[in-house]
Amino acid sequence: MQTQLKKITFAVLPLAGLLVTAPVAYAHDEHNAVHRGLNAEHQATHEDLNAEHRAEHRDLNAEHRAAHTEPMTKRQHRRLHRGLKKEHRAQHKDLNAEHRSEHRDLNAEHQDYHEFNN
């Protein structure tokens, strides 16, 4: 009788182990998929912000070059550059605010996933 119990135990034990570890492995795979999705979204956001940043710099440089095609006094020239610098700072401030907002949204989405799945 004891030999038969050992045989049954050794036959059932691997199956029981599989039943226990399969959900854990699935949850881990799902968790990794969520992280890959969030990382891809994060990367895409950075690429969009960088493209917007480059476009704003191109626009400012074009505005600067166009202004220099006209004669101006030193005072007008200083005013032009102060205005361009002010516009440049404002654009950076807006991009940085957008960047922080995107990070907050991604972090909230990540946190929601963990709260929902715990």
N, C-alpha and C. Protein backbone atom coordinates (compact mmCIF):
# COMPACT_ATOMS: atom_id res chain seq x y z
N MET A 1 0.81 -1.18 0.00
CA MET A 1 0.00 0.00 0.00
C MET A 1 0.86 1.26 0.00
N GLN A 2 1.92 1.26 0.78
CA GLN A 2 2.76 2.42 0.88
C GLN A 2 3.47 2.69 -0.45
N THR A 3 3.86 1.69 -1.18
CA THR A 3 4.50 1.84 -2.48
C THR A 3 3.54 2.48 -3.47
N GLN A 4 2.30 2.06 -3.43
CA GLN A 4 1.31 2.60 -4.33
C GLN A 4 1.05 4.08 -4.01
N LEU A 5 1.03 4.47 -2.73
CA LEU A 5 0.85 5.85 -2.31
C LEU A 5 2.00 6.71 -2.82
N LYS A 6 3.22 6.18 -2.75
CA LYS A 6 4.39 6.91 -3.25
C LYS A 6 4.26 7.14 -4.75
N LYS A 7 3.82 6.12 -5.48
CA LYS A 7 3.67 6.24 -6.93
C LYS A 7 2.63 7.32 -7.27
N ILE A 8 1.53 7.30 -6.55
CA ILE A 8 0.48 8.30 -6.80
C ILE A 8 0.99 9.69 -6.47
N THR A 9 1.70 9.81 -5.34
CA THR A 9 2.24 11.11 -4.93
C THR A 9 3.22 11.64 -5.97
N PHE A 10 4.12 10.80 -6.43
CA PHE A 10 5.10 11.23 -7.42
C PHE A 10 4.46 11.52 -8.78
N ALA A 11 3.35 10.92 -9.06
CA ALA A 11 2.64 11.17 -10.32
C ALA A 11 1.86 12.48 -10.24
N VAL A 12 1.27 12.77 -9.09
CA VAL A 12 0.41 13.94 -8.93
C VAL A 12 1.20 15.20 -8.60
N LEU A 13 2.30 15.07 -7.91
CA LEU A 13 3.07 16.21 -7.45
C LEU A 13 3.50 17.14 -8.59
N PRO A 14 4.06 16.63 -9.69
CA PRO A 14 4.42 17.56 -10.78
C PRO A 14 3.21 18.29 -11.36
N LEU A 15 2.08 17.61 -11.46
CA LEU A 15 0.87 18.24 -11.97
C LEU A 15 0.41 19.34 -11.02
N ALA A 16 0.45 19.08 -9.72
CA ALA A 16 0.06 20.09 -8.73
C ALA A 16 0.99 21.29 -8.80
N GLY A 17 2.27 21.03 -8.97
CA GLY A 17 3.23 22.12 -9.10
C GLY A 17 2.95 22.97 -10.32
N LEU A 18 2.59 22.33 -11.41
CA LEU A 18 2.26 23.04 -12.64
C LEU A 18 1.03 23.91 -12.45
N LEU A 19 0.04 23.38 -11.75
CA LEU A 19 -1.18 24.14 -11.50
C LEU A 19 -0.93 25.36 -10.63
N VAL A 20 0.03 25.26 -9.73
CA VAL A 20 0.36 26.37 -8.84
C VAL A 20 1.21 27.41 -9.56
N THR A 21 2.19 26.98 -10.36
CA THR A 21 3.12 27.93 -10.98
C THR A 21 2.58 28.57 -12.25
N ALA A 22 1.64 27.94 -12.94
CA ALA A 22 1.12 28.50 -14.19
C ALA A 22 0.47 29.86 -13.99
N PRO A 23 -0.42 30.05 -13.01
CA PRO A 23 -1.00 31.38 -12.82
C PRO A 23 0.05 32.44 -12.46
N VAL A 24 1.04 32.05 -11.68
CA VAL A 24 2.11 32.98 -11.31
C VAL A 24 2.89 33.40 -12.55
N ALA A 25 3.21 32.45 -13.40
CA ALA A 25 3.95 32.76 -14.63
C ALA A 25 3.11 33.64 -15.54
N TYR A 26 1.81 33.35 -15.65
CA TYR A 26 0.93 34.16 -16.48
C TYR A 26 0.87 35.59 -15.95
N ALA A 27 0.73 35.75 -14.65
CA ALA A 27 0.66 37.09 -14.05
C ALA A 27 1.95 37.85 -14.31
N HIS A 28 3.07 37.16 -14.22
CA HIS A 28 4.36 37.80 -14.47
C HIS A 28 4.46 38.24 -15.93
N ASP A 29 4.02 37.39 -16.86
CA ASP A 29 4.03 37.76 -18.28
C ASP A 29 3.14 38.96 -18.54
N GLU A 30 1.95 38.97 -17.91
CA GLU A 30 1.03 40.09 -18.08
C GLU A 30 1.65 41.37 -17.53
N HIS A 31 2.29 41.26 -16.37
CA HIS A 31 2.94 42.42 -15.75
C HIS A 31 4.03 42.97 -16.67
N ASN A 32 4.84 42.07 -17.22
CA ASN A 32 5.89 42.52 -18.15
C ASN A 32 5.29 43.18 -19.38
N ALA A 33 4.19 42.65 -19.89
CA ALA A 33 3.54 43.24 -21.06
C ALA A 33 3.04 44.64 -20.75
N VAL A 34 2.48 44.83 -19.56
CA VAL A 34 2.02 46.17 -19.16
C VAL A 34 3.20 47.13 -19.10
N HIS A 35 4.31 46.69 -18.52
CA HIS A 35 5.50 47.54 -18.43
C HIS A 35 6.05 47.86 -19.82
N ARG A 36 6.07 46.88 -20.70
CA ARG A 36 6.55 47.15 -22.07
C ARG A 36 5.65 48.19 -22.75
N GLY A 37 4.35 48.08 -22.54
CA GLY A 37 3.42 49.05 -23.13
C GLY A 37 3.64 50.44 -22.57
N LEU A 38 3.80 50.54 -21.26
CA LEU A 38 4.05 51.85 -20.65
C LEU A 38 5.38 52.42 -21.10
N ASN A 39 6.40 51.58 -21.21
CA ASN A 39 7.71 52.06 -21.68
C ASN A 39 7.64 52.54 -23.12
N ALA A 40 6.88 51.83 -23.96
CA ALA A 40 6.73 52.25 -25.36
C ALA A 40 5.99 53.59 -25.43
N GLU A 41 4.97 53.73 -24.61
CA GLU A 41 4.22 55.00 -24.57
C GLU A 41 5.12 56.13 -24.08
N HIS A 42 5.94 55.85 -23.09
CA HIS A 42 6.88 56.83 -22.54
C HIS A 42 7.88 57.26 -23.62
N GLN A 43 8.43 56.29 -24.34
CA GLN A 43 9.39 56.59 -25.40
C GLN A 43 8.74 57.43 -26.51
N ALA A 44 7.53 57.07 -26.90
CA ALA A 44 6.81 57.81 -27.95
C ALA A 44 6.55 59.25 -27.51
N THR A 45 6.20 59.43 -26.24
CA THR A 45 5.97 60.78 -25.72
C THR A 45 7.23 61.61 -25.79
N HIS A 46 8.36 61.02 -25.40
CA HIS A 46 9.64 61.74 -25.47
C HIS A 46 9.99 62.10 -26.92
N GLU A 47 9.75 61.19 -27.83
CA GLU A 47 10.03 61.48 -29.23
C GLU A 47 9.15 62.63 -29.74
N ASP A 48 7.88 62.63 -29.35
CA ASP A 48 6.98 63.72 -29.75
C ASP A 48 7.43 65.05 -29.17
N LEU A 49 7.78 65.05 -27.89
CA LEU A 49 8.23 66.29 -27.24
C LEU A 49 9.53 66.79 -27.87
N ASN A 50 10.44 65.87 -28.18
CA ASN A 50 11.70 66.28 -28.82
C ASN A 50 11.45 66.85 -30.21
N ALA A 51 10.53 66.27 -30.96
CA ALA A 51 10.21 66.79 -32.29
C ALA A 51 9.59 68.18 -32.17
N GLU A 52 8.71 68.35 -31.19
CA GLU A 52 8.09 69.66 -30.97
C GLU A 52 9.15 70.69 -30.57
N HIS A 53 10.09 70.28 -29.74
CA HIS A 53 11.18 71.15 -29.30
C HIS A 53 12.04 71.60 -30.49
N ARG A 54 12.40 70.64 -31.35
CA ARG A 54 13.20 70.98 -32.53
C ARG A 54 12.44 71.94 -33.45
N ALA A 55 11.15 71.70 -33.62
CA ALA A 55 10.34 72.57 -34.49
C ALA A 55 10.28 73.98 -33.92
N GLU A 56 10.12 74.10 -32.62
CA GLU A 56 10.08 75.43 -32.00
C GLU A 56 11.41 76.15 -32.18
N HIS A 57 12.51 75.43 -32.06
CA HIS A 57 13.83 76.04 -32.28
C HIS A 57 13.98 76.49 -33.73
N ARG A 58 13.53 75.66 -34.66
CA ARG A 58 13.60 76.05 -36.08
C ARG A 58 12.79 77.33 -36.32
N ASP A 59 11.60 77.40 -35.73
CA ASP A 59 10.75 78.59 -35.91
C ASP A 59 11.41 79.83 -35.33
N LEU A 60 11.98 79.69 -34.13
CA LEU A 60 12.67 80.83 -33.52
C LEU A 60 13.87 81.27 -34.35
N ASN A 61 14.63 80.31 -34.85
CA ASN A 61 15.80 80.66 -35.69
C ASN A 61 15.36 81.33 -36.97
N ALA A 62 14.27 80.86 -37.56
CA ALA A 62 13.76 81.49 -38.79
C ALA A 62 13.30 82.91 -38.49
N GLU A 63 12.61 83.09 -37.36
CA GLU A 63 12.17 84.44 -36.96
C GLU A 63 13.38 85.34 -36.75
N HIS A 64 14.41 84.81 -36.15
CA HIS A 64 15.64 85.57 -35.89
C HIS A 64 16.31 85.97 -37.20
N ARG A 65 16.46 85.01 -38.11
CA ARG A 65 17.08 85.33 -39.41
C ARG A 65 16.26 86.35 -40.18
N ALA A 66 14.94 86.21 -40.17
CA ALA A 66 14.08 87.15 -40.90
C ALA A 66 14.21 88.55 -40.34
N ALA A 67 14.30 88.66 -39.01
CA ALA A 67 14.43 89.99 -38.39
C ALA A 67 15.74 90.65 -38.77
N HIS A 68 16.78 89.86 -38.96
CA HIS A 68 18.09 90.42 -39.29
C HIS A 68 18.20 90.82 -40.76
N THR A 69 17.20 90.58 -41.55
CA THR A 69 17.25 91.04 -42.95
C THR A 69 16.88 92.51 -43.04
N GLU A 70 16.30 93.06 -41.99
CA GLU A 70 15.91 94.47 -41.95
C GLU A 70 16.91 95.26 -41.12
N PRO A 71 17.18 96.50 -41.52
CA PRO A 71 18.08 97.33 -40.69
C PRO A 71 17.39 97.68 -39.36
N MET A 72 18.20 97.74 -38.30
CA MET A 72 17.67 98.10 -36.98
C MET A 72 18.74 98.76 -36.15
N THR A 73 18.29 99.54 -35.19
CA THR A 73 19.23 100.19 -34.28
C THR A 73 19.69 99.16 -33.25
N LYS A 74 20.72 99.53 -32.47
CA LYS A 74 21.19 98.64 -31.40
C LYS A 74 20.08 98.37 -30.39
N ARG A 75 19.32 99.40 -30.12
CA ARG A 75 18.21 99.24 -29.16
C ARG A 75 17.17 98.25 -29.70
N GLN A 76 16.81 98.39 -30.95
CA GLN A 76 15.85 97.46 -31.57
C GLN A 76 16.42 96.03 -31.60
N HIS A 77 17.72 95.93 -31.85
CA HIS A 77 18.37 94.63 -31.90
C HIS A 77 18.32 93.96 -30.52
N ARG A 78 18.62 94.71 -29.46
CA ARG A 78 18.55 94.16 -28.11
C ARG A 78 17.12 93.75 -27.77
N ARG A 79 16.16 94.58 -28.15
CA ARG A 79 14.75 94.27 -27.89
C ARG A 79 14.34 92.98 -28.61
N LEU A 80 14.82 92.85 -29.86
CA LEU A 80 14.53 91.64 -30.63
C LEU A 80 15.05 90.41 -29.88
N HIS A 81 16.30 90.46 -29.45
CA HIS A 81 16.90 89.31 -28.78
C HIS A 81 16.25 89.04 -27.43
N ARG A 82 15.90 90.07 -26.69
CA ARG A 82 15.18 89.86 -25.42
C ARG A 82 13.84 89.17 -25.68
N GLY A 83 13.15 89.61 -26.70
CA GLY A 83 11.86 89.00 -27.04
C GLY A 83 12.00 87.54 -27.46
N LEU A 84 13.03 87.26 -28.27
CA LEU A 84 13.27 85.88 -28.69
C LEU A 84 13.63 85.00 -27.50
N LYS A 85 14.47 85.51 -26.60
CA LYS A 85 14.85 84.74 -25.41
C LYS A 85 13.63 84.49 -24.53
N LYS A 86 12.77 85.49 -24.39
CA LYS A 86 11.56 85.34 -23.58
C LYS A 86 10.65 84.27 -24.19
N GLU A 87 10.48 84.32 -25.49
CA GLU A 87 9.66 83.32 -26.19
C GLU A 87 10.27 81.93 -26.04
N HIS A 88 11.59 81.85 -26.15
CA HIS A 88 12.30 80.58 -26.01
C HIS A 88 12.09 79.99 -24.61
N ARG A 89 12.23 80.81 -23.58
CA ARG A 89 12.01 80.34 -22.20
C ARG A 89 10.58 79.86 -22.00
N ALA A 90 9.63 80.61 -22.56
CA ALA A 90 8.21 80.22 -22.43
C ALA A 90 7.96 78.88 -23.11
N GLN A 91 8.55 78.67 -24.27
CA GLN A 91 8.38 77.39 -24.96
C GLN A 91 8.97 76.24 -24.15
N HIS A 92 10.15 76.46 -23.57
CA HIS A 92 10.76 75.42 -22.74
C HIS A 92 9.90 75.15 -21.50
N LYS A 93 9.37 76.20 -20.92
CA LYS A 93 8.51 76.03 -19.74
C LYS A 93 7.29 75.19 -20.10
N ASP A 94 6.67 75.47 -21.24
CA ASP A 94 5.50 74.70 -21.68
C ASP A 94 5.86 73.24 -21.94
N LEU A 95 6.98 73.01 -22.63
CA LEU A 95 7.40 71.64 -22.91
C LEU A 95 7.71 70.88 -21.63
N ASN A 96 8.36 71.54 -20.68
CA ASN A 96 8.67 70.88 -19.41
C ASN A 96 7.40 70.55 -18.63
N ALA A 97 6.41 71.45 -18.67
CA ALA A 97 5.14 71.19 -17.99
C ALA A 97 4.43 70.01 -18.66
N GLU A 98 4.44 69.97 -19.98
CA GLU A 98 3.84 68.85 -20.70
C GLU A 98 4.55 67.54 -20.37
N HIS A 99 5.87 67.59 -20.28
CA HIS A 99 6.68 66.42 -19.95
C HIS A 99 6.32 65.90 -18.56
N ARG A 100 6.24 66.80 -17.58
CA ARG A 100 5.89 66.39 -16.21
C ARG A 100 4.48 65.80 -16.18
N SER A 101 3.57 66.41 -16.91
CA SER A 101 2.19 65.91 -16.95
C SER A 101 2.12 64.51 -17.54
N GLU A 102 2.87 64.27 -18.61
CA GLU A 102 2.90 62.93 -19.22
C GLU A 102 3.45 61.90 -18.25
N HIS A 103 4.50 62.27 -17.49
CA HIS A 103 5.07 61.36 -16.50
C HIS A 103 4.06 61.06 -15.40
N ARG A 104 3.35 62.09 -14.95
CA ARG A 104 2.33 61.86 -13.91
C ARG A 104 1.26 60.90 -14.43
N ASP A 105 0.82 61.09 -15.68
CA ASP A 105 -0.21 60.22 -16.25
C ASP A 105 0.28 58.77 -16.35
N LEU A 106 1.51 58.59 -16.83
CA LEU A 106 2.06 57.23 -16.93
C LEU A 106 2.22 56.59 -15.56
N ASN A 107 2.71 57.36 -14.60
CA ASN A 107 2.87 56.82 -13.24
C ASN A 107 1.52 56.46 -12.64
N ALA A 108 0.50 57.27 -12.88
CA ALA A 108 -0.84 56.96 -12.37
C ALA A 108 -1.38 55.69 -13.02
N GLU A 109 -1.17 55.56 -14.32
CA GLU A 109 -1.62 54.36 -15.03
C GLU A 109 -0.93 53.11 -14.48
N HIS A 110 0.37 53.23 -14.22
CA HIS A 110 1.15 52.13 -13.66
C HIS A 110 0.64 51.79 -12.26
N GLN A 111 0.43 52.81 -11.45
CA GLN A 111 -0.06 52.60 -10.08
C GLN A 111 -1.44 51.96 -10.09
N ASP A 112 -2.30 52.43 -10.99
CA ASP A 112 -3.66 51.85 -11.10
C ASP A 112 -3.58 50.37 -11.44
N TYR A 113 -2.67 50.00 -12.33
CA TYR A 113 -2.52 48.60 -12.69
C TYR A 113 -2.18 47.77 -11.45
N HIS A 114 -1.22 48.25 -10.66
CA HIS A 114 -0.80 47.50 -9.48
C HIS A 114 -1.89 47.45 -8.42
N GLU A 115 -2.61 48.53 -8.23
CA GLU A 115 -3.68 48.54 -7.23
C GLU A 115 -4.82 47.61 -7.64
N PHE A 116 -5.13 47.58 -8.93
CA PHE A 116 -6.22 46.75 -9.43
C PHE A 116 -5.87 45.27 -9.37
N ASN A 117 -4.59 44.94 -9.57
CA ASN A 117 -4.16 43.54 -9.65
C ASN A 117 -3.60 42.99 -8.36
N ASN A 118 -3.73 43.71 -7.29
CA ASN A 118 -3.27 43.19 -5.98
C ASN A 118 -4.42 42.77 -5.13
